C-alpha atoms as a PDB file:
ATOM      1  CA  MET A   1     -87.649 -50.560 -43.360  1.00  0.00           C
ATOM      2  CA  ASN A   2     -89.771 -48.071 -41.657  1.00  0.00           C
ATOM      3  CA  LYS A   3     -90.784 -45.025 -43.771  1.00  0.00           C
ATOM      4  CA  PRO A   4     -90.331 -42.447 -40.987  1.00  0.00           C
ATOM      5  CA  LYS A   5     -86.765 -43.680 -40.390  1.00  0.00           C
ATOM      6  CA  ILE A   6     -85.950 -43.461 -44.115  1.00  0.00           C
ATOM      7  CA  ARG A   7     -87.351 -39.959 -44.301  1.00  0.00           C
ATOM      8  CA  LYS A   8     -85.383 -38.924 -41.176  1.00  0.00           C
ATOM      9  CA  TRP A   9     -82.084 -40.260 -42.570  1.00  0.00           C
ATOM     10  CA  SER A  10     -82.793 -38.694 -45.958  1.00  0.00           C
ATOM     11  CA  ILE A  11     -83.222 -35.270 -44.322  1.00  0.00           C
ATOM     12  CA  VAL A  12     -80.025 -35.693 -42.250  1.00  0.00           C
ATOM     13  CA  GLY A  13     -78.064 -36.737 -45.357  1.00  0.00           C
ATOM     14  CA  LEU A  14     -79.445 -33.838 -47.419  1.00  0.00           C
ATOM     15  CA  MET A  15     -78.564 -31.321 -44.665  1.00  0.00           C
ATOM     16  CA  THR A  16     -75.019 -32.705 -44.401  1.00  0.00           C
ATOM     17  CA  LEU A  17     -74.595 -32.412 -48.190  1.00  0.00           C
ATOM     18  CA  LEU A  18     -75.819 -28.788 -48.114  1.00  0.00           C
ATOM     19  CA  VAL A  19     -73.388 -27.869 -45.296  1.00  0.00           C
ATOM     20  CA  VAL A  20     -70.457 -29.375 -47.225  1.00  0.00           C
ATOM     21  CA  LEU A  21     -71.436 -27.576 -50.457  1.00  0.00           C
ATOM     22  CA  VAL A  22     -71.817 -24.207 -48.707  1.00  0.00           C
ATOM     23  CA  ALA A  23     -68.487 -24.602 -46.896  1.00  0.00           C
ATOM     24  CA  CYS A  24     -66.633 -25.397 -50.129  1.00  0.00           C
ATOM     25  CA  GLN A  25     -67.885 -22.358 -52.068  1.00  0.00           C
ATOM     26  CA  PRO A  26     -65.196 -19.835 -53.089  1.00  0.00           C
ATOM     27  CA  THR A  27     -65.414 -16.477 -51.308  1.00  0.00           C
ATOM     28  CA  THR A  28     -64.671 -13.056 -52.650  1.00  0.00           C
ATOM     29  CA  VAL A  29     -62.592 -10.651 -50.538  1.00  0.00           C
ATOM     30  CA  GLU A  30     -63.033  -6.975 -51.224  1.00  0.00           C
ATOM     31  CA  VAL A  31     -59.778  -5.067 -51.769  1.00  0.00           C
ATOM     32  CA  THR A  32     -59.912  -1.747 -49.994  1.00  0.00           C
ATOM     33  CA  ARG A  33     -56.752  -0.180 -51.373  1.00  0.00           C
ATOM     34  CA  VAL A  34     -54.614  -0.856 -54.380  1.00  0.00           C
ATOM     35  CA  VAL A  35     -51.015   0.441 -54.362  1.00  0.00           C
ATOM     36  CA  THR A  36     -50.064   1.502 -57.849  1.00  0.00           C
ATOM     37  CA  GLU A  37     -46.728   3.179 -57.261  1.00  0.00           C
ATOM     38  CA  THR A  38     -43.932   2.804 -54.721  1.00  0.00           C
ATOM     39  CA  GLN A  39     -41.646   5.409 -53.226  1.00  0.00           C
ATOM     40  CA  GLU A  40     -38.159   4.818 -51.998  1.00  0.00           C
ATOM     41  CA  VAL A  41     -37.503   6.417 -48.647  1.00  0.00           C
ATOM     42  CA  GLU A  42     -33.995   6.719 -47.254  1.00  0.00           C
ATOM     43  CA  VAL A  43     -33.781   5.876 -43.580  1.00  0.00           C
ATOM     44  CA  PRO A  44     -30.524   6.731 -41.772  1.00  0.00           C
ATOM     45  CA  VAL A  45     -29.088   3.711 -39.985  1.00  0.00           C
ATOM     46  CA  GLU A  46     -25.993   3.714 -37.802  1.00  0.00           C
ATOM     47  CA  VAL A  47     -23.740   0.786 -38.538  1.00  0.00           C
ATOM     48  CA  GLU A  48     -20.452  -0.020 -36.879  1.00  0.00           C
ATOM     49  CA  VAL A  49     -17.817  -0.625 -39.485  1.00  0.00           C
ATOM     50  CA  PRO A  50     -14.508  -2.140 -38.406  1.00  0.00           C
ATOM     51  CA  VAL A  51     -11.582   0.088 -39.250  1.00  0.00           C
ATOM     52  CA  GLU A  52      -8.128  -1.346 -39.605  1.00  0.00           C
ATOM     53  CA  VAL A  53      -5.478   0.629 -37.778  1.00  0.00           C
ATOM     54  CA  GLU A  54      -1.870   0.366 -38.750  1.00  0.00           C
ATOM     55  CA  VAL A  55       0.420  -0.310 -35.797  1.00  0.00           C
ATOM     56  CA  THR A  56       3.423   1.955 -35.972  1.00  0.00           C
ATOM     57  CA  ARG A  57       5.128   0.855 -32.777  1.00  0.00           C
ATOM     58  CA  VAL A  58       4.835  -2.215 -30.577  1.00  0.00           C
ATOM     59  CA  VAL A  59       5.480  -1.674 -26.878  1.00  0.00           C
ATOM     60  CA  THR A  60       7.026  -4.797 -25.435  1.00  0.00           C
ATOM     61  CA  GLU A  61       7.792  -3.771 -21.872  1.00  0.00           C
ATOM     62  CA  THR A  62       5.842  -2.014 -19.178  1.00  0.00           C
ATOM     63  CA  GLN A  63       7.179   0.048 -16.368  1.00  0.00           C
ATOM     64  CA  THR A  64       5.363   0.354 -13.055  1.00  0.00           C
ATOM     65  CA  GLU A  65       6.067   3.292 -10.852  1.00  0.00           C
ATOM     66  CA  THR A  66       4.950   3.299  -7.231  1.00  0.00           C
ATOM     67  CA  VAL A  67       4.377   6.633  -5.622  1.00  0.00           C
ATOM     68  CA  GLU A  68       3.771   6.895  -1.902  1.00  0.00           C
ATOM     69  CA  VAL A  69       0.962   9.222  -1.027  1.00  0.00           C
ATOM     70  CA  MET A  70       0.610  10.465   2.498  1.00  0.00           C
ATOM     71  CA  VAL A  71      -3.015  10.551   3.565  1.00  0.00           C
ATOM     72  CA  GLU A  72      -3.602  12.632   6.604  1.00  0.00           C
ATOM     73  CA  GLU A  73      -6.344  11.105   8.711  1.00  0.00           C
ATOM     74  CA  ALA A  74      -8.396  13.418  10.850  1.00  0.00           C
ATOM     75  CA  MET A  75      -7.688  13.170  14.564  1.00  0.00           C
ATOM     76  CA  LEU A  76     -10.039  10.926  16.558  1.00  0.00           C
ATOM     77  CA  GLY A  77     -12.613  13.029  18.387  1.00  0.00           C
ATOM     78  CA  SER A  78     -12.452  15.915  15.907  1.00  0.00           C
ATOM     79  CA  GLU A  79     -15.425  17.361  13.963  1.00  0.00           C
ATOM     80  CA  GLU A  80     -14.364  15.318  10.895  1.00  0.00           C
ATOM     81  CA  ARG A  81     -13.915  12.079  12.873  1.00  0.00           C
ATOM     82  CA  PRO A  82     -16.118  12.057  15.972  1.00  0.00           C
ATOM     83  CA  ILE A  83     -16.141   9.121  18.362  1.00  0.00           C
ATOM     84  CA  LYS A  84     -19.231   7.017  17.635  1.00  0.00           C
ATOM     85  CA  VAL A  85     -21.362   6.126  20.644  1.00  0.00           C
ATOM     86  CA  VAL A  86     -23.767   3.285  19.769  1.00  0.00           C
ATOM     87  CA  PHE A  87     -26.602   1.856  21.823  1.00  0.00           C
ATOM     88  CA  VAL A  88     -28.681  -1.271  21.221  1.00  0.00           C
ATOM     89  CA  PRO A  89     -32.352  -0.632  20.370  1.00  0.00           C
ATOM     90  CA  SER A  90     -33.690  -1.992  23.675  1.00  0.00           C
ATOM     91  CA  VAL A  91     -36.336   0.695  24.332  1.00  0.00           C
ATOM     92  CA  GLU A  92     -37.804   3.630  22.416  1.00  0.00           C
ATOM     93  CA  VAL A  93     -35.103   5.042  20.128  1.00  0.00           C
ATOM     94  CA  ASP A  94     -35.901   8.710  20.880  1.00  0.00           C
ATOM     95  CA  ALA A  95     -35.428   8.097  24.608  1.00  0.00           C
ATOM     96  CA  ILE A  96     -32.086   6.380  24.004  1.00  0.00           C
ATOM     97  CA  ILE A  97     -30.851   9.156  21.709  1.00  0.00           C
ATOM     98  CA  SER A  98     -31.887  11.973  24.063  1.00  0.00           C
ATOM     99  CA  GLY A  99     -30.111  10.249  26.975  1.00  0.00           C
ATOM    100  CA  GLY A 100     -27.133   9.516  24.742  1.00  0.00           C
ATOM    101  CA  GLU A 101     -26.920  13.170  23.686  1.00  0.00           C
ATOM    102  CA  VAL A 102     -26.755  14.209  27.365  1.00  0.00           C
ATOM    103  CA  LEU A 103     -23.943  11.686  27.886  1.00  0.00           C
ATOM    104  CA  ALA A 104     -22.127  12.884  24.743  1.00  0.00           C
ATOM    105  CA  GLN A 105     -22.383  16.520  25.880  1.00  0.00           C
ATOM    106  CA  ALA A 106     -20.925  15.628  29.304  1.00  0.00           C
ATOM    107  CA  LEU A 107     -18.099  13.635  27.677  1.00  0.00           C
ATOM    108  CA  GLU A 108     -17.394  16.491  25.261  1.00  0.00           C
ATOM    109  CA  GLU A 109     -17.136  18.989  28.129  1.00  0.00           C
ATOM    110  CA  ALA A 110     -14.856  16.627  30.088  1.00  0.00           C
ATOM    111  CA  THR A 111     -12.555  15.604  27.206  1.00  0.00           C
ATOM    112  CA  GLY A 112     -12.897  18.310  24.536  1.00  0.00           C
ATOM    113  CA  MET A 113     -13.596  15.597  21.940  1.00  0.00           C
ATOM    114  CA  LYS A 114     -16.638  15.307  19.660  1.00  0.00           C
ATOM    115  CA  TYR A 115     -19.108  12.403  19.976  1.00  0.00           C
ATOM    116  CA  GLU A 116     -21.838  11.122  17.645  1.00  0.00           C
ATOM    117  CA  VAL A 117     -24.723   9.159  19.198  1.00  0.00           C
ATOM    118  CA  SER A 118     -26.654   6.545  17.192  1.00  0.00           C
ATOM    119  CA  VAL A 119     -28.969   3.582  17.682  1.00  0.00           C
ATOM    120  CA  PRO A 120     -28.571   1.004  14.898  1.00  0.00           C
ATOM    121  CA  THR A 121     -31.651  -0.964  13.828  1.00  0.00           C
ATOM    122  CA  SER A 122     -30.754  -4.187  15.672  1.00  0.00           C
ATOM    123  CA  TYR A 123     -28.354  -5.767  18.151  1.00  0.00           C
ATOM    124  CA  ALA A 124     -26.514  -7.337  15.204  1.00  0.00           C
ATOM    125  CA  ALA A 125     -26.141  -3.951  13.478  1.00  0.00           C
ATOM    126  CA  THR A 126     -24.733  -2.476  16.711  1.00  0.00           C
ATOM    127  CA  ILE A 127     -22.143  -5.259  16.926  1.00  0.00           C
ATOM    128  CA  GLU A 128     -21.367  -4.830  13.204  1.00  0.00           C
ATOM    129  CA  GLU A 129     -20.708  -1.107  13.747  1.00  0.00           C
ATOM    130  CA  MET A 130     -18.389  -1.844  16.672  1.00  0.00           C
ATOM    131  CA  CYS A 131     -16.476  -4.444  14.635  1.00  0.00           C
ATOM    132  CA  ALA A 132     -16.267  -2.212  11.532  1.00  0.00           C
ATOM    133  CA  SER A 133     -14.532   0.644  13.351  1.00  0.00           C
ATOM    134  CA  PRO A 134     -13.273  -0.610  16.720  1.00  0.00           C
ATOM    135  CA  ASP A 135     -10.932   2.338  17.338  1.00  0.00           C
ATOM    136  CA  ASP A 136     -13.669   4.925  16.741  1.00  0.00           C
ATOM    137  CA  THR A 137     -16.592   3.324  18.581  1.00  0.00           C
ATOM    138  CA  ILE A 138     -17.925   3.098  22.116  1.00  0.00           C
ATOM    139  CA  GLY A 139     -20.783   0.636  22.477  1.00  0.00           C
ATOM    140  CA  PHE A 140     -23.330   0.229  25.228  1.00  0.00           C
ATOM    141  CA  ILE A 141     -24.309  -3.414  24.809  1.00  0.00           C
ATOM    142  CA  PRO A 142     -25.744  -6.078  27.129  1.00  0.00           C
ATOM    143  CA  ALA A 143     -23.859  -9.177  28.265  1.00  0.00           C
ATOM    144  CA  GLN A 144     -24.959 -11.409  25.390  1.00  0.00           C
ATOM    145  CA  GLY A 145     -24.082  -8.687  22.861  1.00  0.00           C
ATOM    146  CA  TYR A 146     -20.633  -8.395  24.439  1.00  0.00           C
ATOM    147  CA  VAL A 147     -20.033 -12.158  24.166  1.00  0.00           C
ATOM    148  CA  LEU A 148     -21.065 -12.123  20.489  1.00  0.00           C
ATOM    149  CA  ALA A 149     -18.944  -9.033  19.712  1.00  0.00           C
ATOM    150  CA  ASN A 150     -15.959 -10.462  21.582  1.00  0.00           C
ATOM    151  CA  ASN A 151     -16.182 -13.744  19.643  1.00  0.00           C
ATOM    152  CA  ARG A 152     -16.663 -11.959  16.315  1.00  0.00           C
ATOM    153  CA  CYS A 153     -13.994  -9.256  16.456  1.00  0.00           C
ATOM    154  CA  GLY A 154     -12.355  -9.162  19.886  1.00  0.00           C
ATOM    155  CA  VAL A 155     -14.393  -6.366  21.494  1.00  0.00           C
ATOM    156  CA  THR A 156     -13.209  -5.826  25.073  1.00  0.00           C
ATOM    157  CA  VAL A 157     -14.912  -4.317  28.107  1.00  0.00           C
ATOM    158  CA  GLY A 158     -13.766  -0.783  28.880  1.00  0.00           C
ATOM    159  CA  ALA A 159     -16.162  -0.143  31.751  1.00  0.00           C
ATOM    160  CA  ALA A 160     -19.005  -1.980  33.433  1.00  0.00           C
ATOM    161  CA  ALA A 161     -22.122  -0.594  35.053  1.00  0.00           C
ATOM    162  CA  VAL A 162     -22.595  -1.019  38.786  1.00  0.00           C
ATOM    163  CA  ARG A 163     -26.155  -1.958  39.632  1.00  0.00           C
ATOM    164  CA  PHE A 164     -27.400  -2.673  43.153  1.00  0.00           C
ATOM    165  CA  GLY A 165     -23.751  -2.457  44.263  1.00  0.00           C
ATOM    166  CA  LEU A 166     -22.711  -5.251  41.885  1.00  0.00           C
ATOM    167  CA  SER A 167     -20.447  -4.889  38.835  1.00  0.00           C
ATOM    168  CA  TRP A 168     -21.322  -8.354  37.565  1.00  0.00           C
ATOM    169  CA  TYR A 169     -24.433  -9.842  36.063  1.00  0.00           C
ATOM    170  CA  ALA A 170     -25.912 -13.263  36.668  1.00  0.00           C
ATOM    171  CA  ALA A 171     -28.406 -15.291  34.705  1.00  0.00           C
ATOM    172  CA  GLN A 172     -29.963 -18.669  35.294  1.00  0.00           C
ATOM    173  CA  TYR A 173     -31.632 -21.088  32.913  1.00  0.00           C
ATOM    174  CA  VAL A 174     -34.102 -23.582  34.338  1.00  0.00           C
ATOM    175  CA  VAL A 175     -35.084 -26.582  32.219  1.00  0.00           C
ATOM    176  CA  PRO A 176     -36.924 -29.841  32.952  1.00  0.00           C
ATOM    177  CA  MET A 177     -34.740 -32.648  34.283  1.00  0.00           C
ATOM    178  CA  ASP A 178     -35.371 -34.821  31.213  1.00  0.00           C
ATOM    179  CA  SER A 179     -34.353 -31.990  28.829  1.00  0.00           C
ATOM    180  CA  ASP A 180     -31.498 -32.357  26.310  1.00  0.00           C
ATOM    181  CA  ALA A 181     -29.830 -29.264  27.850  1.00  0.00           C
ATOM    182  CA  GLN A 182     -26.585 -30.084  29.687  1.00  0.00           C
ATOM    183  CA  SER A 183     -24.644 -27.902  32.117  1.00  0.00           C
END
């Protein structure tokens, strides 16, 4: 064998032996504090303890009593129960509310009833308000909103706007001839 190879392997073997010997040496850990005495400390702890209760009487029958209570509902159009006037959010809300307040003031002068104007956050919320309290609500909604409200909770038309001398509204949908839409 070649002497340089033997020397190289001898050095590698010696280094491996030294690493193993160093790793297996016992180590001393310094103790920083030695506890020589112990103290007992009482710590209050809340514990639920079951308590047996002696039953002195067993009730075997129950009696239900129904009492009719008359609830007086405020009159529609009063301060406590104003008529709600709702508009769909089709343009700027401030413009709708200011116009609605003018309408409410005119209605109040004509009827003596109180009105509360509001613009819910969406068409769906307007329809929901009309369906939630149909006897207390007047809604200014477009044709599609009316169809949805009528299908959902039976909203009916009380008045219709006349525009260009017409009290009806027309719409037309135009689609390509090869479309899936059918009339």
